[in-house]
Amino acid sequence: MSQPRPVRSIAQLEGWTPETLVEQGLPAMAGSFHDLGATNSVFSWDPV
């Protein structure tokens, strides 16, 4: 198990609202997301 580290960060001087996160934040970081689909094949038990 590795230690997760930030891969990318974004800032908004006015602060974030749920709406601005969905409209601007998630699309800006989408390229840094990783597929976790293989997790089920590695860990066969239910998450705690």
N, C-alpha and C. Protein backbone atom coordinates (compact mmCIF):
# COMPACT_ATOMS: atom_id res chain seq x y z
N MET A 1 0.84 -1.18 0.00
CA MET A 1 0.00 0.00 0.00
C MET A 1 0.89 1.24 0.00
N SER A 2 0.59 2.12 -0.88
CA SER A 2 1.38 3.35 -0.97
C SER A 2 0.75 4.46 -0.13
N GLN A 3 1.49 5.51 0.05
CA GLN A 3 0.97 6.69 0.73
C GLN A 3 0.45 7.65 -0.32
N PRO A 4 -0.86 7.87 -0.36
CA PRO A 4 -1.40 8.76 -1.38
C PRO A 4 -0.86 10.18 -1.20
N ARG A 5 -0.52 10.79 -2.28
CA ARG A 5 -0.02 12.16 -2.28
C ARG A 5 -0.80 12.97 -3.29
N PRO A 6 -0.93 14.27 -3.05
CA PRO A 6 -1.63 15.10 -4.03
C PRO A 6 -0.92 15.06 -5.38
N VAL A 7 -1.69 14.88 -6.42
CA VAL A 7 -1.15 14.86 -7.77
C VAL A 7 -1.39 16.20 -8.44
N ARG A 8 -2.48 16.82 -8.07
CA ARG A 8 -2.87 18.08 -8.69
C ARG A 8 -3.67 18.89 -7.69
N SER A 9 -3.57 20.20 -7.75
CA SER A 9 -4.38 21.06 -6.90
C SER A 9 -4.92 22.21 -7.75
N ILE A 10 -6.01 22.79 -7.29
CA ILE A 10 -6.61 23.93 -7.95
C ILE A 10 -7.00 24.94 -6.87
N ALA A 11 -7.11 26.20 -7.25
CA ALA A 11 -7.46 27.24 -6.29
C ALA A 11 -8.49 28.18 -6.91
N GLN A 12 -9.30 28.73 -6.05
CA GLN A 12 -10.29 29.73 -6.44
C GLN A 12 -10.23 30.82 -5.38
N LEU A 13 -9.85 32.03 -5.77
CA LEU A 13 -9.67 33.11 -4.80
C LEU A 13 -10.93 33.41 -4.01
N GLU A 14 -12.08 33.28 -4.64
CA GLU A 14 -13.35 33.58 -3.97
C GLU A 14 -13.80 32.44 -3.06
N GLY A 15 -13.14 31.30 -3.14
CA GLY A 15 -13.56 30.12 -2.39
C GLY A 15 -14.42 29.22 -3.27
N TRP A 16 -14.67 28.03 -2.78
CA TRP A 16 -15.41 27.04 -3.56
C TRP A 16 -16.82 26.87 -3.01
N THR A 17 -17.76 26.72 -3.91
CA THR A 17 -19.11 26.32 -3.55
C THR A 17 -19.31 24.94 -4.18
N PRO A 18 -20.32 24.21 -3.75
CA PRO A 18 -20.57 22.92 -4.40
C PRO A 18 -20.76 23.07 -5.92
N GLU A 19 -21.40 24.15 -6.33
CA GLU A 19 -21.66 24.36 -7.76
C GLU A 19 -20.36 24.61 -8.53
N THR A 20 -19.48 25.48 -7.99
CA THR A 20 -18.23 25.76 -8.71
C THR A 20 -17.31 24.55 -8.72
N LEU A 21 -17.36 23.72 -7.69
CA LEU A 21 -16.58 22.49 -7.72
C LEU A 21 -17.02 21.58 -8.86
N VAL A 22 -18.35 21.45 -9.01
CA VAL A 22 -18.87 20.58 -10.07
C VAL A 22 -18.60 21.19 -11.45
N GLU A 23 -18.79 22.49 -11.58
CA GLU A 23 -18.66 23.15 -12.88
C GLU A 23 -17.21 23.37 -13.31
N GLN A 24 -16.31 23.66 -12.35
CA GLN A 24 -14.94 24.03 -12.70
C GLN A 24 -13.90 23.10 -12.11
N GLY A 25 -14.07 22.73 -10.86
CA GLY A 25 -13.05 21.94 -10.16
C GLY A 25 -12.89 20.53 -10.70
N LEU A 26 -13.98 19.80 -10.79
CA LEU A 26 -13.90 18.42 -11.28
C LEU A 26 -13.41 18.32 -12.72
N PRO A 27 -13.92 19.16 -13.64
CA PRO A 27 -13.38 19.08 -15.00
C PRO A 27 -11.88 19.44 -15.07
N ALA A 28 -11.42 20.36 -14.24
CA ALA A 28 -10.01 20.75 -14.26
C ALA A 28 -9.11 19.61 -13.78
N MET A 29 -9.62 18.77 -12.88
CA MET A 29 -8.81 17.68 -12.33
C MET A 29 -9.07 16.34 -13.00
N ALA A 30 -10.02 16.27 -13.91
CA ALA A 30 -10.43 14.99 -14.50
C ALA A 30 -9.28 14.23 -15.15
N GLY A 31 -8.33 14.92 -15.73
CA GLY A 31 -7.20 14.26 -16.36
C GLY A 31 -6.27 13.57 -15.37
N SER A 32 -6.37 13.90 -14.09
CA SER A 32 -5.51 13.31 -13.07
C SER A 32 -6.17 12.14 -12.34
N PHE A 33 -7.43 11.85 -12.65
CA PHE A 33 -8.12 10.74 -12.01
C PHE A 33 -7.62 9.41 -12.56
N HIS A 34 -7.66 8.37 -11.74
CA HIS A 34 -7.22 7.04 -12.16
C HIS A 34 -8.37 6.05 -12.01
N ASP A 35 -8.45 5.12 -12.92
CA ASP A 35 -9.48 4.09 -12.87
C ASP A 35 -9.19 3.15 -11.71
N LEU A 36 -10.15 2.94 -10.86
CA LEU A 36 -10.01 2.03 -9.72
C LEU A 36 -10.72 0.71 -9.97
N GLY A 37 -11.04 0.42 -11.21
CA GLY A 37 -11.78 -0.77 -11.56
C GLY A 37 -11.12 -2.06 -11.14
N ALA A 38 -9.79 -2.11 -11.10
CA ALA A 38 -9.09 -3.34 -10.75
C ALA A 38 -9.14 -3.63 -9.25
N THR A 39 -9.61 -2.70 -8.46
CA THR A 39 -9.63 -2.89 -7.01
C THR A 39 -10.37 -4.15 -6.61
N ASN A 40 -11.51 -4.42 -7.23
CA ASN A 40 -12.30 -5.60 -6.87
C ASN A 40 -11.57 -6.90 -7.16
N SER A 41 -10.70 -6.91 -8.15
CA SER A 41 -9.98 -8.14 -8.46
C SER A 41 -8.79 -8.35 -7.51
N VAL A 42 -8.34 -7.28 -6.87
CA VAL A 42 -7.22 -7.39 -5.93
C VAL A 42 -7.72 -7.65 -4.51
N PHE A 43 -8.76 -6.91 -4.11
CA PHE A 43 -9.34 -7.07 -2.76
C PHE A 43 -10.72 -7.69 -2.91
N SER A 44 -10.86 -8.94 -2.55
CA SER A 44 -12.12 -9.64 -2.78
C SER A 44 -13.16 -9.44 -1.68
N TRP A 45 -12.78 -8.81 -0.58
CA TRP A 45 -13.72 -8.61 0.52
C TRP A 45 -14.38 -7.24 0.41
N ASP A 46 -15.52 -7.08 1.12
CA ASP A 46 -16.24 -5.82 1.11
C ASP A 46 -15.44 -4.75 1.83
N PRO A 47 -15.52 -3.50 1.39
CA PRO A 47 -14.82 -2.41 2.08
C PRO A 47 -15.36 -2.23 3.48
N VAL A 48 -14.54 -1.79 4.37
CA VAL A 48 -14.95 -1.57 5.77
C VAL A 48 -15.60 -0.24 5.90
